[in-house]
N, C-alpha and C. Protein backbone atom coordinates (compact mmCIF):
# COMPACT_ATOMS: atom_id res chain seq x y z
N UNK A 1 1.05 -0.74 0.19
CA UNK A 1 0.25 0.07 -0.25
C UNK A 1 0.30 1.37 -0.01
N UNK A 2 0.63 2.18 -1.24
CA UNK A 2 1.86 3.27 -0.81
C UNK A 2 1.15 4.29 -0.02
N UNK A 3 1.90 5.08 0.78
CA UNK A 3 1.75 5.79 1.55
C UNK A 3 0.81 6.91 1.73
N UNK A 4 0.30 7.40 0.42
CA UNK A 4 -1.46 8.10 0.02
C UNK A 4 -2.26 7.20 0.18
N UNK A 5 -1.92 6.18 0.30
CA UNK A 5 -3.24 5.38 0.33
C UNK A 5 -3.91 5.23 1.75
N UNK A 6 -2.62 5.62 2.82
CA UNK A 6 -2.86 5.51 3.95
C UNK A 6 -4.14 5.40 4.71
N UNK A 7 -4.52 6.68 4.20
CA UNK A 7 -5.99 6.91 5.36
C UNK A 7 -7.60 6.15 4.05
N UNK A 8 -7.56 5.77 2.59
CA UNK A 8 -8.35 4.97 2.12
C UNK A 8 -9.86 4.89 2.93
N UNK A 9 -10.83 5.26 2.69
CA UNK A 9 -11.58 5.44 3.20
C UNK A 9 -11.69 3.61 3.04
N UNK A 10 -12.30 2.83 2.16
CA UNK A 10 -12.29 1.54 1.39
C UNK A 10 -11.76 0.96 3.02
N UNK A 11 -10.97 0.93 3.43
CA UNK A 11 -10.05 -0.32 4.27
C UNK A 11 -11.64 -0.26 5.86
N UNK A 12 -11.61 1.48 6.00
CA UNK A 12 -12.32 1.56 6.79
C UNK A 12 -14.07 1.14 6.80
N UNK A 13 -14.54 1.75 5.50
CA UNK A 13 -15.83 1.00 5.34
C UNK A 13 -15.91 -0.43 5.49
N UNK A 14 -15.18 -0.99 4.65
CA UNK A 14 -15.33 -3.04 4.50
C UNK A 14 -14.70 -3.67 6.07
N UNK A 15 -14.27 -2.84 7.08
CA UNK A 15 -14.06 -2.93 7.79
C UNK A 15 -16.08 -2.32 8.88
N UNK A 16 -15.97 -1.84 8.90
CA UNK A 16 -17.44 -1.48 9.89
C UNK A 16 -18.42 -2.26 9.23
N UNK A 17 -18.34 -2.43 7.98
CA UNK A 17 -19.37 -3.85 7.10
C UNK A 17 -19.43 -4.89 7.42
N UNK A 18 -17.73 -5.64 8.00
CA UNK A 18 -18.03 -6.09 9.01
C UNK A 18 -18.42 -6.89 10.15
N UNK A 19 -18.69 -5.94 10.55
CA UNK A 19 -19.20 -5.59 11.96
C UNK A 19 -20.67 -6.09 11.54
N UNK A 20 -21.67 -5.13 10.98
CA UNK A 20 -22.76 -5.67 10.45
C UNK A 20 -23.22 -4.83 9.30
N UNK A 21 -24.80 -4.85 9.40
CA UNK A 21 -24.58 -4.26 8.15
C UNK A 21 -24.93 -2.54 8.10
N UNK A 22 -25.48 -1.27 7.33
CA UNK A 22 -24.86 -0.60 7.57
C UNK A 22 -25.60 0.19 6.83
N UNK A 23 -25.64 1.20 6.91
CA UNK A 23 -26.46 2.22 5.24
C UNK A 23 -25.41 3.96 5.43
N UNK A 24 -25.30 4.11 4.10
CA UNK A 24 -24.22 5.18 4.03
C UNK A 24 -23.62 5.87 5.14
N UNK A 25 -24.85 6.91 5.65
CA UNK A 25 -24.96 7.72 6.97
C UNK A 25 -24.50 7.46 7.80
N UNK A 26 -24.73 6.32 8.44
CA UNK A 26 -24.54 5.68 9.97
C UNK A 26 -22.45 5.32 9.66
N UNK A 27 -22.23 5.05 8.39
CA UNK A 27 -21.00 4.49 8.02
C UNK A 27 -20.58 5.41 8.93
N UNK A 28 -20.58 6.81 7.81
CA UNK A 28 -19.95 8.26 8.16
C UNK A 28 -20.51 9.04 9.61
N UNK A 29 -21.18 8.59 10.19
CA UNK A 29 -21.28 8.64 11.54
C UNK A 29 -20.10 7.96 12.32
N UNK A 30 -20.22 6.18 11.99
CA UNK A 30 -19.03 5.26 12.34
C UNK A 30 -17.74 5.95 12.92
N UNK A 31 -17.40 6.81 10.93
CA UNK A 31 -15.99 7.08 10.87
C UNK A 31 -15.73 8.48 11.77
N UNK A 32 -17.09 9.17 11.82
CA UNK A 32 -16.20 10.46 12.14
C UNK A 32 -16.36 9.83 13.53
N UNK A 33 -17.45 9.84 14.34
CA UNK A 33 -16.96 9.54 16.17
C UNK A 33 -15.89 8.36 16.03
N UNK A 34 -15.96 7.64 15.55
CA UNK A 34 -14.71 6.96 16.05
C UNK A 34 -13.39 7.10 15.47
N UNK A 35 -12.97 8.32 15.32
CA UNK A 35 -11.51 9.12 14.55
C UNK A 35 -11.55 9.96 15.72
N UNK A 36 -12.27 10.41 16.19
CA UNK A 36 -12.27 12.02 17.07
C UNK A 36 -13.01 13.30 15.81
N UNK A 37 -13.30 12.52 14.79
CA UNK A 37 -13.40 13.57 13.83
C UNK A 37 -11.76 14.01 13.43
N UNK A 38 -11.08 13.01 13.46
CA UNK A 38 -10.29 13.61 12.81
C UNK A 38 -9.45 12.43 11.70
N UNK A 39 -10.48 11.71 10.67
CA UNK A 39 -10.93 11.51 9.96
C UNK A 39 -12.64 12.23 9.36
N UNK A 40 -12.89 13.16 9.02
CA UNK A 40 -14.36 13.83 8.12
C UNK A 40 -14.43 13.28 7.19
N UNK A 41 -15.68 12.22 7.56
CA UNK A 41 -16.20 11.55 6.23
C UNK A 41 -17.60 12.51 5.37
N UNK A 42 -17.63 12.39 4.76
CA UNK A 42 -18.68 13.09 3.90
C UNK A 42 -20.19 11.89 3.67
N UNK A 43 -21.40 12.49 3.36
CA UNK A 43 -22.13 11.00 2.74
C UNK A 43 -21.85 11.25 1.21
N UNK A 44 -21.41 12.29 0.27
CA UNK A 44 -21.13 12.82 -0.95
C UNK A 44 -19.81 11.73 -0.93
N UNK A 45 -19.17 11.86 -0.13
CA UNK A 45 -17.43 11.47 -0.60
C UNK A 45 -17.83 9.74 -0.39
N UNK A 46 -18.38 8.76 0.30
CA UNK A 46 -18.51 7.76 0.03
C UNK A 46 -19.26 7.22 -0.39
N UNK A 47 -20.52 7.51 -1.45
CA UNK A 47 -21.24 7.44 -2.72
C UNK A 47 -20.55 6.09 -3.43
N UNK A 48 -20.11 7.59 -4.05
CA UNK A 48 -18.79 6.47 -5.78
C UNK A 48 -17.94 5.71 -4.68
N UNK A 49 -17.05 5.29 -3.31
CA UNK A 49 -16.42 4.19 -3.23
C UNK A 49 -17.41 3.49 -2.82
N UNK A 50 -19.11 3.50 -2.56
CA UNK A 50 -19.74 1.87 -2.16
C UNK A 50 -19.68 1.50 -3.17
N UNK A 51 -19.91 2.72 -4.11
CA UNK A 51 -20.88 1.96 -5.90
C UNK A 51 -19.52 1.14 -5.72
N UNK A 52 -18.67 1.71 -6.46
CA UNK A 52 -17.06 0.55 -6.89
C UNK A 52 -16.71 -0.46 -5.84
N UNK A 53 -17.52 -0.80 -4.98
CA UNK A 53 -17.59 -1.53 -4.03
C UNK A 53 -18.12 -2.78 -4.32
N UNK A 54 -19.74 -2.39 -4.73
CA UNK A 54 -20.52 -3.51 -5.67
C UNK A 54 -20.10 -3.57 -6.81
N UNK A 55 -19.57 -2.66 -7.28
CA UNK A 55 -19.06 -3.60 -8.69
C UNK A 55 -17.78 -4.47 -8.64
N UNK A 56 -16.79 -3.95 -8.00
CA UNK A 56 -16.39 -5.05 -7.30
C UNK A 56 -16.84 -6.61 -6.67
N UNK A 57 -17.97 -6.57 -6.22
CA UNK A 57 -18.38 -7.41 -6.03
C UNK A 57 -17.81 -7.53 -4.41
N UNK A 58 -17.63 -6.42 -3.69
CA UNK A 58 -16.88 -6.54 -2.46
C UNK A 58 -18.00 -6.59 -1.36
N UNK A 59 -19.24 -6.06 -1.64
CA UNK A 59 -20.02 -5.86 -0.99
C UNK A 59 -21.79 -5.55 -2.14
N UNK A 60 -22.59 -5.45 -1.45
CA UNK A 60 -23.87 -5.61 -1.52
C UNK A 60 -24.84 -4.75 -1.24
N UNK A 61 -25.63 -4.52 -1.70
CA UNK A 61 -27.08 -3.63 -1.03
C UNK A 61 -28.26 -4.42 -1.33
N UNK A 62 -29.45 -3.52 -0.23
CA UNK A 62 -30.62 -4.15 -0.16
C UNK A 62 -31.66 -2.99 0.49
N UNK A 63 -32.36 -2.81 0.55
CA UNK A 63 -33.35 -1.58 0.99
C UNK A 63 -34.35 -2.46 1.73
N UNK A 64 -34.43 -1.63 2.80
CA UNK A 64 -34.98 -1.91 4.18
C UNK A 64 -36.10 -0.59 4.60
N UNK A 65 -37.19 -1.71 4.87
CA UNK A 65 -38.21 -0.67 5.10
C UNK A 65 -38.45 0.31 6.37
N UNK A 66 -38.50 1.54 6.55
CA UNK A 66 -37.38 2.35 7.70
C UNK A 66 -39.51 2.63 8.04
N UNK A 67 -39.57 4.01 9.22
CA UNK A 67 -40.65 4.09 9.71
C UNK A 67 -41.84 4.64 8.59
N UNK A 68 -42.29 4.55 8.57
CA UNK A 68 -43.45 5.25 7.66
C UNK A 68 -43.48 4.71 5.55
N UNK A 69 -42.71 3.34 5.67
CA UNK A 69 -42.81 3.41 4.68
C UNK A 69 -41.47 3.87 3.80
N UNK A 70 -40.61 4.32 4.53
CA UNK A 70 -39.16 5.06 4.04
C UNK A 70 -38.47 3.76 4.07
N UNK A 71 -37.58 3.90 2.39
CA UNK A 71 -36.56 3.40 2.57
C UNK A 71 -35.05 3.49 2.66
N UNK A 72 -34.54 2.60 3.09
CA UNK A 72 -33.20 3.28 3.71
C UNK A 72 -32.05 1.40 3.02
N UNK A 73 -31.40 2.46 2.01
CA UNK A 73 -30.20 1.35 1.85
C UNK A 73 -29.08 0.90 2.66
N UNK A 74 -29.39 -0.58 2.94
CA UNK A 74 -27.97 -0.99 3.58
C UNK A 74 -26.84 -1.51 2.50
N UNK A 75 -25.33 -1.46 3.04
CA UNK A 75 -25.15 -2.09 2.01
C UNK A 75 -24.59 -4.02 3.07
N UNK A 76 -23.86 -4.96 2.23
CA UNK A 76 -23.59 -5.76 3.35
C UNK A 76 -22.40 -6.82 2.70
N UNK A 77 -21.56 -6.99 3.90
CA UNK A 77 -19.93 -7.43 2.97
C UNK A 77 -19.78 -8.90 2.98
N UNK A 78 -19.50 -8.89 1.51
CA UNK A 78 -19.36 -10.63 0.65
C UNK A 78 -18.59 -11.13 1.14
N UNK A 79 -18.23 -12.40 0.59
CA UNK A 79 -17.19 -13.07 0.83
C UNK A 79 -15.80 -12.36 0.48
N UNK A 80 -15.54 -12.00 -1.18
CA UNK A 80 -14.79 -11.06 -1.40
C UNK A 80 -14.39 -9.75 -0.95
N UNK A 81 -15.73 -9.69 -0.76
CA UNK A 81 -15.20 -7.83 0.75
C UNK A 81 -14.60 -7.74 2.09
N UNK A 82 -14.26 -9.31 2.10
CA UNK A 82 -13.51 -9.69 3.41
C UNK A 82 -12.33 -9.98 2.93
N UNK A 83 -12.34 -10.94 1.63
CA UNK A 83 -11.16 -11.37 1.39
C UNK A 83 -9.94 -9.50 1.23
N UNK A 84 -9.95 -9.32 0.95
CA UNK A 84 -9.85 -7.65 0.28
C UNK A 84 -9.89 -7.35 1.73
N UNK A 85 -10.68 -6.63 2.54
CA UNK A 85 -9.96 -5.87 4.03
C UNK A 85 -8.95 -7.23 4.40
N UNK A 86 -8.89 -7.97 4.06
CA UNK A 86 -7.56 -8.81 5.04
C UNK A 86 -6.34 -8.44 4.56
N UNK A 87 -6.41 -8.47 3.04
CA UNK A 87 -4.91 -8.23 2.38
C UNK A 87 -5.45 -6.41 2.78
N UNK A 88 -6.20 -5.16 2.46
CA UNK A 88 -6.02 -4.64 2.30
C UNK A 88 -4.66 -4.01 4.05
N UNK A 89 -5.74 -4.73 5.06
CA UNK A 89 -4.97 -4.74 6.37
C UNK A 89 -3.44 -5.42 7.15
N UNK A 90 -3.27 -6.57 6.04
CA UNK A 90 -2.00 -6.49 5.84
C UNK A 90 -1.08 -5.19 5.52
N UNK A 91 -1.54 -4.75 3.93
CA UNK A 91 -0.46 -3.91 3.59
C UNK A 91 -0.29 -2.66 4.63
N UNK A 92 -1.79 -2.47 5.21
CA UNK A 92 -2.15 -1.54 6.10
C UNK A 92 -0.65 -1.34 7.13
N UNK A 93 -0.97 -3.01 8.31
CA UNK A 93 -0.03 -3.29 9.15
C UNK A 93 1.40 -2.74 8.57
N UNK A 94 2.02 -3.31 7.81
CA UNK A 94 3.56 -3.72 6.66
C UNK A 94 3.91 -2.20 6.73
N UNK A 95 2.60 -1.16 6.74
CA UNK A 95 2.98 -0.15 5.77
C UNK A 95 3.42 0.42 7.44
N UNK A 96 2.74 0.67 8.92
CA UNK A 96 2.37 1.14 10.19
C UNK A 96 4.62 0.50 10.17
N UNK A 97 4.63 -0.78 10.33
CA UNK A 97 5.48 -1.73 10.44
C UNK A 97 6.95 -0.36 10.16
N UNK A 98 6.81 -0.64 8.79
CA UNK A 98 7.89 0.02 7.92
C UNK A 98 7.94 1.43 8.77
N UNK A 99 6.98 2.60 8.83
CA UNK A 99 6.95 4.20 9.57
C UNK A 99 7.46 3.67 10.54
N UNK A 100 7.03 2.91 11.30
CA UNK A 100 7.96 2.53 13.14
C UNK A 100 9.26 2.64 12.61
N UNK A 101 9.30 1.41 12.14
CA UNK A 101 11.43 1.39 12.55
C UNK A 101 11.93 2.67 12.11
N UNK A 102 11.27 2.57 10.64
CA UNK A 102 12.15 4.24 10.62
C UNK A 102 11.95 5.35 11.85
N UNK A 103 10.95 5.34 12.61
CA UNK A 103 10.59 6.65 13.83
C UNK A 103 11.72 5.71 15.05
N UNK A 104 12.11 4.53 15.26
CA UNK A 104 12.98 3.75 15.82
C UNK A 104 14.38 4.05 15.47
N UNK A 105 14.68 4.75 14.09
CA UNK A 105 15.72 4.88 13.95
C UNK A 105 17.06 5.55 15.18
N UNK A 106 18.05 4.75 15.62
CA UNK A 106 18.77 5.77 16.72
C UNK A 106 20.03 6.45 16.29
N UNK A 107 20.47 6.42 15.17
CA UNK A 107 20.99 7.41 14.00
C UNK A 107 22.30 6.83 13.62
N UNK A 108 22.98 5.84 13.74
CA UNK A 108 23.64 5.24 13.62
C UNK A 108 23.81 4.62 12.78
N UNK A 109 24.37 4.99 11.73
CA UNK A 109 24.61 4.34 10.06
C UNK A 109 25.64 2.87 10.30
N UNK A 110 24.28 2.67 9.22
CA UNK A 110 24.79 0.77 8.83
C UNK A 110 26.44 1.69 8.21
N UNK A 111 27.27 0.44 8.67
CA UNK A 111 28.95 0.22 8.09
C UNK A 111 28.24 0.02 5.86
N UNK A 112 29.36 -0.34 5.65
CA UNK A 112 29.00 -0.35 3.67
C UNK A 112 29.46 -2.26 3.83
N UNK A 113 27.96 -2.05 3.01
CA UNK A 113 28.25 -3.78 3.02
C UNK A 113 26.95 -4.39 3.71
N UNK A 114 26.56 -3.78 4.81
CA UNK A 114 25.44 -3.91 6.28
C UNK A 114 23.79 -4.40 5.76
N UNK A 115 23.29 -4.72 5.44
CA UNK A 115 22.00 -4.82 5.03
C UNK A 115 21.13 -4.38 5.74
N UNK A 116 21.41 -5.16 7.16
CA UNK A 116 19.89 -4.01 8.33
C UNK A 116 20.61 -4.19 9.51
């Protein structure tokens, strides 16, 4: 995962949907709340991602009738989405470990010929 992809919403959305089905606004509320608003997500930026995930087969959507016959679209994580989430998490953890290694650098230069 490239560093510029660190904050992609895809991984967060898939993770949330791995816990339970959600509707779009609910997903944004969860991200905003649990990131302490450090990741400020808007519904308008969420839907293109959800539609792309549907096209890739990672999630599906379904309508659910709520109060007074209003319909709400919920999103459900499919097996392909679990696979993609696991791949993203592995890449994310590798990136974080790499960053931490650099932050742990103690200032000692490697000798010529050393690899680690």
